[in-house]
């Protein structure tokens, strides 16, 4: 395959991530670079297709599915992927209070470390000085 045929295919993979997360994570860019260099783009295309089925075609809907991912990743202690899915949840229409609810659930199911991680991520997503005033 040539660069001319790989570029549009890689861009299609990027677009799947933009549609669910609002952006293309750095790790995905790195995987696409490696896949392109070593002839493994079909793996990334298959992964993107599976993610699309699970996220976009979920009976839960995009917002709830992103919130579930956020909570699961908090419980696993995976900060960066949890941050990506928190942003993805907001991109899909979740409110900050939804993210707080997920972090509080993680407190019950996974303890204070998961809750603390969640509140740290949520705080980092808020503009400086934004607090309890107004709809969130």
N, C-alpha and C. Protein backbone atom coordinates (compact mmCIF):
# COMPACT_ATOMS: atom_id res chain seq x y z
N UNK A 1 0.84 -1.18 0.00
CA UNK A 1 0.00 0.00 0.00
C UNK A 1 0.88 1.24 0.00
N UNK A 2 0.42 2.26 -0.67
CA UNK A 2 1.19 3.50 -0.76
C UNK A 2 0.66 4.50 0.26
N UNK A 3 1.46 5.55 0.47
CA UNK A 3 1.02 6.62 1.37
C UNK A 3 -0.28 7.25 0.89
N UNK A 4 -0.47 7.26 -0.45
CA UNK A 4 -1.69 7.84 -1.01
C UNK A 4 -2.94 7.06 -0.62
N UNK A 5 -2.81 5.75 -0.46
CA UNK A 5 -3.98 4.95 -0.08
C UNK A 5 -4.12 4.86 1.43
N UNK A 6 -3.01 4.98 2.17
CA UNK A 6 -3.07 4.88 3.63
C UNK A 6 -3.62 6.15 4.28
N UNK A 7 -3.26 7.30 3.74
CA UNK A 7 -3.66 8.56 4.38
C UNK A 7 -5.17 8.70 4.54
N UNK A 8 -5.98 8.46 3.51
CA UNK A 8 -7.43 8.59 3.70
C UNK A 8 -7.99 7.55 4.68
N UNK A 9 -7.41 6.37 4.68
CA UNK A 9 -7.87 5.32 5.60
C UNK A 9 -7.53 5.69 7.03
N UNK A 10 -6.33 6.21 7.26
CA UNK A 10 -5.95 6.64 8.61
C UNK A 10 -6.82 7.81 9.06
N UNK A 11 -7.14 8.71 8.14
CA UNK A 11 -8.00 9.84 8.48
C UNK A 11 -9.40 9.38 8.84
N UNK A 12 -9.88 8.34 8.20
CA UNK A 12 -11.19 7.78 8.55
C UNK A 12 -11.18 7.23 9.97
N UNK A 13 -10.09 6.61 10.37
CA UNK A 13 -9.95 6.11 11.75
C UNK A 13 -9.97 7.30 12.70
N UNK A 14 -9.20 8.34 12.39
CA UNK A 14 -9.18 9.54 13.24
C UNK A 14 -10.59 10.13 13.41
N UNK A 15 -11.34 10.15 12.32
CA UNK A 15 -12.69 10.72 12.37
C UNK A 15 -13.60 9.94 13.31
N UNK A 16 -13.42 8.64 13.39
CA UNK A 16 -14.21 7.83 14.34
C UNK A 16 -13.94 8.28 15.78
N UNK A 17 -12.67 8.55 16.08
CA UNK A 17 -12.33 9.01 17.43
C UNK A 17 -12.87 10.41 17.67
N UNK A 18 -12.78 11.27 16.68
CA UNK A 18 -13.33 12.62 16.84
C UNK A 18 -14.83 12.57 17.12
N UNK A 19 -15.53 11.65 16.46
CA UNK A 19 -16.98 11.59 16.64
C UNK A 19 -17.37 11.11 18.04
N UNK A 20 -16.55 10.26 18.66
CA UNK A 20 -16.91 9.76 19.99
C UNK A 20 -16.25 10.54 21.12
N UNK A 21 -15.04 11.04 20.90
CA UNK A 21 -14.31 11.71 21.98
C UNK A 21 -14.16 13.21 21.76
N UNK A 22 -14.42 13.68 20.55
CA UNK A 22 -14.25 15.09 20.25
C UNK A 22 -12.83 15.43 19.82
N UNK A 23 -11.92 14.47 19.88
CA UNK A 23 -10.52 14.69 19.53
C UNK A 23 -9.87 13.33 19.28
N UNK A 24 -8.68 13.37 18.72
CA UNK A 24 -7.91 12.15 18.50
C UNK A 24 -6.84 12.08 19.58
N UNK A 25 -6.90 11.09 20.47
CA UNK A 25 -5.89 10.97 21.52
C UNK A 25 -4.49 10.77 20.95
N UNK A 26 -3.50 11.26 21.68
CA UNK A 26 -2.11 11.12 21.26
C UNK A 26 -1.70 9.68 21.06
N UNK A 27 -2.18 8.80 21.92
CA UNK A 27 -1.86 7.38 21.79
C UNK A 27 -2.38 6.79 20.50
N UNK A 28 -3.53 7.26 20.05
CA UNK A 28 -4.09 6.78 18.78
C UNK A 28 -3.21 7.26 17.63
N UNK A 29 -2.80 8.51 17.68
CA UNK A 29 -1.90 9.03 16.64
C UNK A 29 -0.63 8.19 16.55
N UNK A 30 -0.09 7.84 17.70
CA UNK A 30 1.13 7.04 17.72
C UNK A 30 0.87 5.65 17.15
N UNK A 31 -0.24 5.05 17.51
CA UNK A 31 -0.57 3.73 16.96
C UNK A 31 -0.76 3.79 15.45
N UNK A 32 -1.43 4.86 14.97
CA UNK A 32 -1.62 5.01 13.53
C UNK A 32 -0.29 5.18 12.80
N UNK A 33 0.62 5.92 13.41
CA UNK A 33 1.95 6.10 12.81
C UNK A 33 2.65 4.75 12.67
N UNK A 34 2.66 3.99 13.75
CA UNK A 34 3.30 2.67 13.71
C UNK A 34 2.60 1.73 12.74
N UNK A 35 1.28 1.75 12.76
CA UNK A 35 0.52 0.88 11.86
C UNK A 35 0.82 1.21 10.41
N UNK A 36 0.91 2.49 10.10
CA UNK A 36 1.23 2.90 8.74
C UNK A 36 2.63 2.49 8.33
N UNK A 37 3.58 2.67 9.22
CA UNK A 37 4.98 2.34 8.91
C UNK A 37 5.20 0.84 8.74
N UNK A 38 4.43 0.03 9.45
CA UNK A 38 4.68 -1.41 9.44
C UNK A 38 3.56 -2.23 8.80
N UNK A 39 2.71 -1.55 8.03
CA UNK A 39 1.69 -2.27 7.29
C UNK A 39 0.59 -2.89 8.14
N UNK A 40 0.27 -2.29 9.27
CA UNK A 40 -0.73 -2.86 10.18
C UNK A 40 -1.97 -1.98 10.32
N UNK A 41 -2.23 -1.13 9.35
CA UNK A 41 -3.42 -0.27 9.42
C UNK A 41 -4.72 -1.06 9.54
N UNK A 42 -4.85 -2.24 8.94
CA UNK A 42 -6.11 -3.00 9.12
C UNK A 42 -6.44 -3.28 10.59
N UNK A 43 -5.43 -3.44 11.43
CA UNK A 43 -5.69 -3.66 12.86
C UNK A 43 -6.36 -2.43 13.46
N UNK A 44 -5.84 -1.25 13.15
CA UNK A 44 -6.43 -0.01 13.68
C UNK A 44 -7.82 0.23 13.11
N UNK A 45 -8.02 -0.12 11.86
CA UNK A 45 -9.35 0.02 11.26
C UNK A 45 -10.35 -0.91 11.95
N UNK A 46 -9.93 -2.13 12.23
CA UNK A 46 -10.81 -3.08 12.91
C UNK A 46 -11.13 -2.61 14.33
N UNK A 47 -10.12 -2.11 15.03
CA UNK A 47 -10.34 -1.60 16.38
C UNK A 47 -11.30 -0.42 16.36
N UNK A 48 -11.11 0.50 15.42
CA UNK A 48 -12.01 1.65 15.32
C UNK A 48 -13.43 1.22 14.99
N UNK A 49 -13.57 0.22 14.15
CA UNK A 49 -14.91 -0.29 13.81
C UNK A 49 -15.58 -0.92 15.03
N UNK A 50 -14.83 -1.70 15.79
CA UNK A 50 -15.38 -2.31 17.01
C UNK A 50 -15.77 -1.24 18.02
N UNK A 51 -14.89 -0.26 18.23
CA UNK A 51 -15.21 0.84 19.16
C UNK A 51 -16.49 1.55 18.72
N UNK A 52 -16.65 1.74 17.42
CA UNK A 52 -17.84 2.42 16.92
C UNK A 52 -19.10 1.62 17.25
N UNK A 53 -19.04 0.31 17.05
CA UNK A 53 -20.18 -0.54 17.37
C UNK A 53 -20.51 -0.45 18.86
N UNK A 54 -19.50 -0.57 19.70
CA UNK A 54 -19.70 -0.58 21.14
C UNK A 54 -20.12 0.79 21.67
N UNK A 55 -19.54 1.86 21.14
CA UNK A 55 -19.84 3.20 21.65
C UNK A 55 -21.02 3.85 20.95
N UNK A 56 -20.96 3.94 19.64
CA UNK A 56 -21.98 4.70 18.91
C UNK A 56 -23.27 3.93 18.71
N UNK A 57 -23.19 2.63 18.57
CA UNK A 57 -24.39 1.84 18.34
C UNK A 57 -24.90 1.16 19.61
N UNK A 58 -24.44 1.61 20.75
CA UNK A 58 -24.82 1.02 22.03
C UNK A 58 -26.26 1.37 22.38
N UNK A 59 -27.00 0.41 22.95
CA UNK A 59 -28.34 0.73 23.42
C UNK A 59 -28.32 1.74 24.58
N UNK A 60 -27.16 1.92 25.18
CA UNK A 60 -27.03 2.90 26.27
C UNK A 60 -27.01 4.33 25.75
N UNK A 61 -26.65 4.52 24.51
CA UNK A 61 -26.48 5.86 23.97
C UNK A 61 -25.08 6.37 24.27
N UNK A 62 -24.64 7.33 23.49
CA UNK A 62 -23.26 7.81 23.57
C UNK A 62 -22.94 8.42 24.94
N UNK A 63 -23.84 9.23 25.50
CA UNK A 63 -23.58 9.89 26.77
C UNK A 63 -23.38 8.88 27.88
N UNK A 64 -24.31 7.97 28.03
CA UNK A 64 -24.22 6.97 29.11
C UNK A 64 -23.02 6.06 28.88
N UNK A 65 -22.79 5.66 27.65
CA UNK A 65 -21.65 4.79 27.36
C UNK A 65 -20.33 5.46 27.76
N UNK A 66 -20.18 6.73 27.47
CA UNK A 66 -18.96 7.45 27.87
C UNK A 66 -18.86 7.55 29.39
N UNK A 67 -19.97 7.77 30.05
CA UNK A 67 -19.96 7.82 31.52
C UNK A 67 -19.57 6.48 32.11
N UNK A 68 -20.06 5.39 31.53
CA UNK A 68 -19.69 4.04 31.99
C UNK A 68 -18.19 3.84 31.82
N UNK A 69 -17.67 4.21 30.66
CA UNK A 69 -16.23 4.08 30.44
C UNK A 69 -15.45 4.88 31.48
N UNK A 70 -15.90 6.10 31.73
CA UNK A 70 -15.24 6.95 32.72
C UNK A 70 -15.19 6.24 34.08
N UNK A 71 -16.32 5.71 34.51
CA UNK A 71 -16.37 5.03 35.81
C UNK A 71 -15.51 3.78 35.85
N UNK A 72 -15.55 2.99 34.81
CA UNK A 72 -14.73 1.77 34.79
C UNK A 72 -13.24 2.12 34.85
N UNK A 73 -12.85 3.14 34.12
CA UNK A 73 -11.44 3.53 34.11
C UNK A 73 -11.01 4.15 35.43
N UNK A 74 -11.92 4.86 36.11
CA UNK A 74 -11.61 5.34 37.47
C UNK A 74 -11.33 4.15 38.37
N UNK A 75 -12.20 3.15 38.29
CA UNK A 75 -12.04 1.96 39.14
C UNK A 75 -10.73 1.23 38.87
N UNK A 76 -10.28 1.29 37.64
CA UNK A 76 -9.00 0.65 37.28
C UNK A 76 -7.80 1.54 37.58
N UNK A 77 -8.07 2.81 37.95
CA UNK A 77 -6.99 3.74 38.24
C UNK A 77 -6.26 4.24 37.01
N UNK A 78 -6.92 4.22 35.88
CA UNK A 78 -6.30 4.62 34.60
C UNK A 78 -6.62 6.09 34.30
N UNK A 79 -5.77 6.98 34.77
CA UNK A 79 -6.03 8.42 34.72
C UNK A 79 -6.22 8.97 33.31
N UNK A 80 -5.28 8.73 32.42
CA UNK A 80 -5.38 9.34 31.09
C UNK A 80 -6.58 8.83 30.29
N UNK A 81 -6.81 7.51 30.22
CA UNK A 81 -8.02 7.08 29.51
C UNK A 81 -9.31 7.58 30.19
N UNK A 82 -9.32 7.64 31.52
CA UNK A 82 -10.50 8.16 32.21
C UNK A 82 -10.74 9.62 31.84
N UNK A 83 -9.67 10.39 31.74
CA UNK A 83 -9.77 11.79 31.36
C UNK A 83 -10.35 11.91 29.93
N UNK A 84 -9.87 11.06 29.03
CA UNK A 84 -10.39 11.09 27.66
C UNK A 84 -11.88 10.79 27.62
N UNK A 85 -12.32 9.81 28.42
CA UNK A 85 -13.75 9.46 28.40
C UNK A 85 -14.59 10.47 29.17
N UNK A 86 -14.02 11.16 30.13
CA UNK A 86 -14.75 12.26 30.78
C UNK A 86 -15.01 13.35 29.75
N UNK A 87 -13.99 13.69 28.99
CA UNK A 87 -14.17 14.68 27.91
C UNK A 87 -15.16 14.15 26.87
N UNK A 88 -15.05 12.87 26.55
CA UNK A 88 -15.99 12.27 25.60
C UNK A 88 -17.42 12.33 26.10
N UNK A 89 -17.61 12.13 27.39
CA UNK A 89 -18.96 12.22 27.97
C UNK A 89 -19.50 13.63 27.84
N UNK A 90 -18.68 14.63 28.14
CA UNK A 90 -19.11 16.02 27.98
C UNK A 90 -19.43 16.31 26.51
N UNK A 91 -18.60 15.80 25.62
CA UNK A 91 -18.82 15.96 24.18
C UNK A 91 -20.15 15.33 23.76
N UNK A 92 -20.54 14.25 24.43
CA UNK A 92 -21.78 13.53 24.11
C UNK A 92 -22.99 14.10 24.85
N UNK A 93 -22.81 15.18 25.59
CA UNK A 93 -23.95 15.83 26.24
C UNK A 93 -24.06 15.66 27.74
N UNK A 94 -23.10 14.99 28.36
CA UNK A 94 -23.13 14.85 29.82
C UNK A 94 -22.85 16.21 30.47
N UNK A 95 -23.28 16.33 31.70
CA UNK A 95 -23.00 17.53 32.50
C UNK A 95 -21.94 17.19 33.52
N UNK A 96 -21.35 18.21 34.07
CA UNK A 96 -20.33 18.00 35.12
C UNK A 96 -20.94 17.23 36.28
N UNK A 97 -22.20 17.50 36.60
CA UNK A 97 -22.84 16.76 37.69
C UNK A 97 -22.95 15.28 37.38
N UNK A 98 -23.07 14.91 36.11
CA UNK A 98 -23.07 13.49 35.73
C UNK A 98 -21.72 12.87 36.05
N UNK A 99 -20.65 13.58 35.72
CA UNK A 99 -19.30 13.08 36.02
C UNK A 99 -19.10 12.94 37.53
N UNK A 100 -19.60 13.90 38.29
CA UNK A 100 -19.49 13.83 39.75
C UNK A 100 -20.23 12.60 40.27
N UNK A 101 -21.41 12.34 39.72
CA UNK A 101 -22.17 11.15 40.12
C UNK A 101 -21.41 9.87 39.85
N UNK A 102 -20.71 9.81 38.73
CA UNK A 102 -19.90 8.64 38.41
C UNK A 102 -18.75 8.51 39.40
N UNK A 103 -18.09 9.63 39.71
CA UNK A 103 -16.99 9.59 40.68
C UNK A 103 -17.49 9.14 42.05
N UNK A 104 -18.67 9.59 42.43
CA UNK A 104 -19.25 9.17 43.72
C UNK A 104 -19.58 7.68 43.71
N UNK A 105 -20.05 7.17 42.59
CA UNK A 105 -20.29 5.73 42.48
C UNK A 105 -18.99 4.96 42.59
N UNK A 106 -17.94 5.48 41.97
CA UNK A 106 -16.63 4.84 42.07
C UNK A 106 -16.13 4.81 43.52
N UNK A 107 -16.52 5.80 44.30
CA UNK A 107 -16.17 5.80 45.73
C UNK A 107 -16.74 4.56 46.41
N UNK A 108 -17.97 4.23 46.10
CA UNK A 108 -18.62 3.08 46.72
C UNK A 108 -18.05 1.77 46.19
N UNK A 109 -17.86 1.68 44.87
CA UNK A 109 -17.44 0.41 44.28
C UNK A 109 -15.94 0.17 44.33
N UNK A 110 -15.14 1.25 44.35
CA UNK A 110 -13.69 1.08 44.25
C UNK A 110 -12.88 1.85 45.27
N UNK A 111 -13.54 2.64 46.11
CA UNK A 111 -12.84 3.29 47.20
C UNK A 111 -12.39 4.71 46.91
N UNK A 112 -11.75 5.27 47.93
CA UNK A 112 -11.32 6.67 47.89
C UNK A 112 -10.34 6.95 46.74
N UNK A 113 -9.39 6.05 46.42
CA UNK A 113 -8.49 6.38 45.30
C UNK A 113 -9.23 6.63 43.98
N UNK A 114 -10.24 5.84 43.68
CA UNK A 114 -11.00 6.04 42.45
C UNK A 114 -11.78 7.34 42.50
N UNK A 115 -12.38 7.63 43.64
CA UNK A 115 -13.13 8.88 43.82
C UNK A 115 -12.20 10.08 43.70
N UNK A 116 -11.04 10.00 44.34
CA UNK A 116 -10.08 11.10 44.29
C UNK A 116 -9.60 11.33 42.85
N UNK A 117 -9.36 10.26 42.13
CA UNK A 117 -8.95 10.39 40.74
C UNK A 117 -10.06 11.07 39.93
N UNK A 118 -11.29 10.65 40.16
CA UNK A 118 -12.42 11.25 39.45
C UNK A 118 -12.55 12.73 39.73
N UNK A 119 -12.47 13.11 41.00
CA UNK A 119 -12.61 14.54 41.32
C UNK A 119 -11.44 15.34 40.77
N UNK A 120 -10.27 14.75 40.75
CA UNK A 120 -9.09 15.43 40.17
C UNK A 120 -9.32 15.67 38.67
N UNK A 121 -9.81 14.66 37.98
CA UNK A 121 -10.07 14.79 36.54
C UNK A 121 -11.15 15.82 36.29
N UNK A 122 -12.23 15.75 37.03
CA UNK A 122 -13.33 16.70 36.85
C UNK A 122 -12.86 18.12 37.11
N UNK A 123 -12.13 18.32 38.18
CA UNK A 123 -11.62 19.66 38.49
C UNK A 123 -10.75 20.19 37.36
N UNK A 124 -9.95 19.32 36.78
CA UNK A 124 -9.09 19.72 35.68
C UNK A 124 -9.85 20.09 34.41
N UNK A 125 -11.07 19.63 34.29
CA UNK A 125 -11.88 19.94 33.11
C UNK A 125 -12.63 21.26 33.25
N UNK A 126 -12.74 21.75 34.48
CA UNK A 126 -13.48 22.98 34.72
C UNK A 126 -12.61 24.20 34.44
N UNK A 127 -13.20 25.25 33.87
CA UNK A 127 -12.44 26.50 33.74
C UNK A 127 -12.07 27.01 35.13
N UNK A 128 -10.95 27.66 35.25
CA UNK A 128 -10.50 28.18 36.55
C UNK A 128 -11.59 29.03 37.17
N UNK A 129 -11.85 28.77 38.44
CA UNK A 129 -12.81 29.56 39.19
C UNK A 129 -14.24 29.10 39.06
N UNK A 130 -14.52 28.12 38.20
CA UNK A 130 -15.90 27.64 38.07
C UNK A 130 -16.22 26.76 39.25
N UNK A 131 -17.29 27.09 39.91
CA UNK A 131 -17.66 26.32 41.09
C UNK A 131 -19.09 25.88 41.02
N UNK A 132 -19.77 25.94 42.14
CA UNK A 132 -21.12 25.43 42.25
C UNK A 132 -22.19 26.32 41.69
N UNK A 133 -21.86 27.51 41.22
CA UNK A 133 -22.89 28.41 40.71
C UNK A 133 -23.28 28.04 39.29
N UNK A 134 -24.54 28.11 39.02
CA UNK A 134 -25.02 27.90 37.65
C UNK A 134 -25.21 26.43 37.31
N UNK A 135 -25.81 26.17 36.15
CA UNK A 135 -26.05 24.79 35.73
C UNK A 135 -24.76 24.12 35.31
N UNK A 136 -24.60 22.92 35.77
CA UNK A 136 -23.44 22.14 35.36
C UNK A 136 -23.93 20.79 34.98
